[in-house]
């Protein structure tokens, strides 16, 4: 069994980097789920208000808004160390 003195900092740093990547992935997935919910809610609202849902530019606009929400949410959240 290895003692604590035998462990070097490289292994600890690798574990920390992997944890940061996982945290960023989970954060991006969380924001993507919120953005998808907002896009779907916008589509439902468009159907209820009678807007022509088959026009592609409305859906493209909603999708672009969702991508913008994900991008700003992930970039604005600082990573703690």
N, C-alpha and C. Protein backbone atom coordinates (compact mmCIF):
# COMPACT_ATOMS: atom_id res chain seq x y z
N UNK A 1 0.84 -1.18 0.00
CA UNK A 1 0.00 0.00 0.00
C UNK A 1 0.88 1.24 0.00
N UNK A 2 0.53 2.20 -0.82
CA UNK A 2 1.35 3.40 -0.94
C UNK A 2 1.00 4.39 0.17
N UNK A 3 2.00 5.07 0.65
CA UNK A 3 1.75 6.09 1.68
C UNK A 3 1.46 7.42 0.99
N UNK A 4 1.05 8.38 1.78
CA UNK A 4 0.74 9.69 1.23
C UNK A 4 1.98 10.37 0.67
N UNK A 5 3.12 10.06 1.21
CA UNK A 5 4.36 10.67 0.71
C UNK A 5 4.71 10.16 -0.68
N UNK A 6 4.24 8.98 -1.04
CA UNK A 6 4.57 8.42 -2.35
C UNK A 6 3.73 9.05 -3.47
N UNK A 7 2.58 9.61 -3.13
CA UNK A 7 1.72 10.24 -4.15
C UNK A 7 2.33 11.57 -4.56
N UNK A 8 2.39 11.76 -5.85
CA UNK A 8 2.87 13.06 -6.30
C UNK A 8 1.69 13.93 -6.71
N UNK A 9 1.96 15.20 -6.89
CA UNK A 9 0.90 16.17 -7.17
C UNK A 9 0.26 15.99 -8.54
N UNK A 10 0.92 15.27 -9.43
CA UNK A 10 0.37 15.10 -10.78
C UNK A 10 -0.95 14.35 -10.76
N UNK A 11 -1.04 13.34 -9.93
CA UNK A 11 -2.27 12.56 -9.87
C UNK A 11 -3.41 13.39 -9.29
N UNK A 12 -3.10 14.16 -8.28
CA UNK A 12 -4.12 15.01 -7.66
C UNK A 12 -4.59 16.07 -8.65
N UNK A 13 -3.67 16.67 -9.38
CA UNK A 13 -4.05 17.68 -10.37
C UNK A 13 -4.88 17.07 -11.48
N UNK A 14 -4.57 15.85 -11.89
CA UNK A 14 -5.36 15.18 -12.93
C UNK A 14 -6.77 14.92 -12.45
N UNK A 15 -6.92 14.53 -11.20
CA UNK A 15 -8.26 14.29 -10.65
C UNK A 15 -9.04 15.60 -10.57
N UNK A 16 -8.38 16.68 -10.19
CA UNK A 16 -9.04 17.98 -10.10
C UNK A 16 -9.46 18.47 -11.48
N UNK A 17 -8.59 18.30 -12.48
CA UNK A 17 -8.96 18.69 -13.85
C UNK A 17 -10.13 17.89 -14.36
N UNK A 18 -10.15 16.59 -14.08
CA UNK A 18 -11.27 15.76 -14.51
C UNK A 18 -12.56 16.18 -13.82
N UNK A 19 -12.47 16.54 -12.55
CA UNK A 19 -13.66 17.00 -11.82
C UNK A 19 -14.16 18.33 -12.39
N UNK A 20 -13.26 19.22 -12.78
CA UNK A 20 -13.66 20.49 -13.38
C UNK A 20 -14.36 20.25 -14.72
N UNK A 21 -13.83 19.32 -15.52
CA UNK A 21 -14.47 19.02 -16.80
C UNK A 21 -15.86 18.43 -16.59
N UNK A 22 -16.00 17.52 -15.62
CA UNK A 22 -17.31 16.95 -15.33
C UNK A 22 -18.28 18.02 -14.84
N UNK A 23 -17.80 18.92 -14.01
CA UNK A 23 -18.67 19.99 -13.49
C UNK A 23 -19.12 20.90 -14.62
N UNK A 24 -18.23 21.24 -15.53
CA UNK A 24 -18.60 22.08 -16.66
C UNK A 24 -19.60 21.36 -17.56
N UNK A 25 -19.41 20.07 -17.77
CA UNK A 25 -20.36 19.29 -18.58
C UNK A 25 -21.74 19.27 -17.93
N UNK A 26 -21.79 19.05 -16.62
CA UNK A 26 -23.07 19.01 -15.92
C UNK A 26 -23.73 20.38 -15.97
N UNK A 27 -22.95 21.44 -15.82
CA UNK A 27 -23.50 22.79 -15.90
C UNK A 27 -24.07 23.07 -17.29
N UNK A 28 -23.34 22.67 -18.33
CA UNK A 28 -23.82 22.88 -19.70
C UNK A 28 -25.08 22.06 -19.95
N UNK A 29 -25.13 20.85 -19.43
CA UNK A 29 -26.32 20.01 -19.60
C UNK A 29 -27.51 20.61 -18.86
N UNK A 30 -27.27 21.15 -17.68
CA UNK A 30 -28.34 21.79 -16.91
C UNK A 30 -28.89 23.00 -17.66
N UNK A 31 -27.99 23.84 -18.16
CA UNK A 31 -28.42 25.03 -18.90
C UNK A 31 -29.12 24.66 -20.20
N UNK A 32 -28.67 23.59 -20.85
CA UNK A 32 -29.31 23.15 -22.09
C UNK A 32 -30.72 22.66 -21.82
N UNK A 33 -30.93 21.99 -20.70
CA UNK A 33 -32.27 21.52 -20.35
C UNK A 33 -33.20 22.70 -20.09
N UNK A 34 -32.69 23.73 -19.41
CA UNK A 34 -33.50 24.92 -19.16
C UNK A 34 -33.83 25.63 -20.47
N UNK A 35 -32.84 25.75 -21.35
CA UNK A 35 -33.05 26.41 -22.64
C UNK A 35 -34.04 25.63 -23.49
N UNK A 36 -33.94 24.30 -23.47
CA UNK A 36 -34.88 23.48 -24.24
C UNK A 36 -36.30 23.65 -23.72
N UNK A 37 -36.44 23.72 -22.40
CA UNK A 37 -37.76 23.93 -21.82
C UNK A 37 -38.33 25.28 -22.25
N UNK A 38 -37.48 26.31 -22.30
CA UNK A 38 -37.96 27.62 -22.74
C UNK A 38 -38.33 27.63 -24.21
N UNK A 39 -37.55 26.94 -25.03
CA UNK A 39 -37.86 26.86 -26.46
C UNK A 39 -39.18 26.11 -26.67
N UNK A 40 -39.38 25.02 -25.96
CA UNK A 40 -40.63 24.28 -26.10
C UNK A 40 -41.82 25.10 -25.57
N UNK A 41 -41.61 25.84 -24.48
CA UNK A 41 -42.67 26.70 -23.97
C UNK A 41 -43.01 27.79 -24.99
N UNK A 42 -41.99 28.33 -25.66
CA UNK A 42 -42.24 29.31 -26.72
C UNK A 42 -43.01 28.71 -27.88
N UNK A 43 -42.69 27.48 -28.24
CA UNK A 43 -43.45 26.80 -29.30
C UNK A 43 -44.90 26.58 -28.92
N UNK A 44 -45.13 26.20 -27.67
CA UNK A 44 -46.51 26.01 -27.19
C UNK A 44 -47.24 27.34 -27.19
N UNK A 45 -46.58 28.39 -26.75
CA UNK A 45 -47.20 29.71 -26.75
C UNK A 45 -47.55 30.16 -28.16
N UNK A 46 -46.66 29.87 -29.11
CA UNK A 46 -46.95 30.22 -30.50
C UNK A 46 -48.16 29.47 -31.02
N UNK A 47 -48.29 28.20 -30.64
CA UNK A 47 -49.46 27.43 -31.05
C UNK A 47 -50.73 27.99 -30.44
N UNK A 48 -50.67 28.36 -29.18
CA UNK A 48 -51.85 28.89 -28.50
C UNK A 48 -52.27 30.25 -29.04
N UNK A 49 -51.31 31.07 -29.42
CA UNK A 49 -51.62 32.40 -29.93
C UNK A 49 -51.98 32.38 -31.42
N UNK A 50 -51.79 31.26 -32.06
CA UNK A 50 -52.19 31.14 -33.45
C UNK A 50 -51.13 31.60 -34.44
N UNK A 51 -49.92 31.81 -34.00
CA UNK A 51 -48.85 32.18 -34.93
C UNK A 51 -48.57 30.99 -35.84
N UNK A 52 -48.23 31.27 -37.06
CA UNK A 52 -47.98 30.18 -38.00
C UNK A 52 -46.70 29.46 -37.61
N UNK A 53 -46.87 28.34 -36.94
CA UNK A 53 -45.74 27.58 -36.42
C UNK A 53 -44.93 26.93 -37.53
N UNK A 54 -45.52 26.76 -38.67
CA UNK A 54 -44.81 26.09 -39.75
C UNK A 54 -43.80 26.98 -40.45
N UNK A 55 -43.82 28.27 -40.14
CA UNK A 55 -42.78 29.14 -40.70
C UNK A 55 -41.48 28.84 -39.98
N UNK A 56 -40.47 28.47 -40.71
CA UNK A 56 -39.22 27.98 -40.15
C UNK A 56 -38.47 29.03 -39.35
N UNK A 57 -38.65 30.29 -39.69
CA UNK A 57 -37.84 31.31 -39.03
C UNK A 57 -38.24 31.52 -37.57
N UNK A 58 -39.49 31.21 -37.21
CA UNK A 58 -39.88 31.32 -35.79
C UNK A 58 -39.17 30.25 -34.96
N UNK A 59 -39.13 29.05 -35.49
CA UNK A 59 -38.44 27.99 -34.76
C UNK A 59 -36.94 28.21 -34.72
N UNK A 60 -36.38 28.75 -35.81
CA UNK A 60 -34.95 29.06 -35.83
C UNK A 60 -34.63 30.16 -34.82
N UNK A 61 -35.51 31.13 -34.71
CA UNK A 61 -35.31 32.20 -33.73
C UNK A 61 -35.36 31.66 -32.30
N UNK A 62 -36.31 30.78 -32.03
CA UNK A 62 -36.40 30.16 -30.70
C UNK A 62 -35.17 29.30 -30.41
N UNK A 63 -34.70 28.54 -31.40
CA UNK A 63 -33.52 27.71 -31.21
C UNK A 63 -32.28 28.58 -30.96
N UNK A 64 -32.15 29.68 -31.69
CA UNK A 64 -31.01 30.59 -31.49
C UNK A 64 -31.07 31.21 -30.09
N UNK A 65 -32.26 31.54 -29.63
CA UNK A 65 -32.39 32.07 -28.27
C UNK A 65 -31.98 31.02 -27.24
N UNK A 66 -32.34 29.77 -27.48
CA UNK A 66 -31.95 28.69 -26.56
C UNK A 66 -30.44 28.50 -26.52
N UNK A 67 -29.80 28.54 -27.67
CA UNK A 67 -28.34 28.41 -27.72
C UNK A 67 -27.69 29.59 -27.02
N UNK A 68 -28.26 30.77 -27.18
CA UNK A 68 -27.73 31.95 -26.50
C UNK A 68 -27.85 31.84 -24.99
N UNK A 69 -28.95 31.29 -24.52
CA UNK A 69 -29.14 31.10 -23.08
C UNK A 69 -28.10 30.13 -22.54
N UNK A 70 -27.87 29.05 -23.25
CA UNK A 70 -26.87 28.06 -22.81
C UNK A 70 -25.48 28.68 -22.79
N UNK A 71 -25.13 29.40 -23.85
CA UNK A 71 -23.78 29.98 -23.94
C UNK A 71 -23.54 31.00 -22.84
N UNK A 72 -24.50 31.90 -22.61
CA UNK A 72 -24.30 32.90 -21.57
C UNK A 72 -24.33 32.28 -20.18
N UNK A 73 -25.14 31.26 -19.99
CA UNK A 73 -25.20 30.62 -18.68
C UNK A 73 -23.92 29.90 -18.32
N UNK A 74 -23.31 29.26 -19.28
CA UNK A 74 -22.08 28.51 -19.02
C UNK A 74 -20.90 29.47 -18.88
N UNK A 75 -20.85 30.49 -19.72
CA UNK A 75 -19.71 31.41 -19.66
C UNK A 75 -19.75 32.32 -18.44
N UNK A 76 -20.94 32.65 -17.94
CA UNK A 76 -21.04 33.59 -16.83
C UNK A 76 -20.81 32.92 -15.48
N UNK A 77 -20.82 31.61 -15.44
CA UNK A 77 -20.64 30.88 -14.18
C UNK A 77 -19.16 30.61 -13.97
N UNK A 78 -18.54 31.28 -12.99
CA UNK A 78 -17.10 31.06 -12.78
C UNK A 78 -16.84 29.70 -12.13
N UNK A 79 -15.70 29.14 -12.45
CA UNK A 79 -15.29 27.88 -11.83
C UNK A 79 -14.50 28.18 -10.57
N UNK A 80 -14.94 27.60 -9.45
CA UNK A 80 -14.21 27.79 -8.22
C UNK A 80 -13.05 26.80 -8.18
N UNK A 81 -11.98 27.20 -7.58
CA UNK A 81 -10.82 26.32 -7.44
C UNK A 81 -10.52 26.12 -6.01
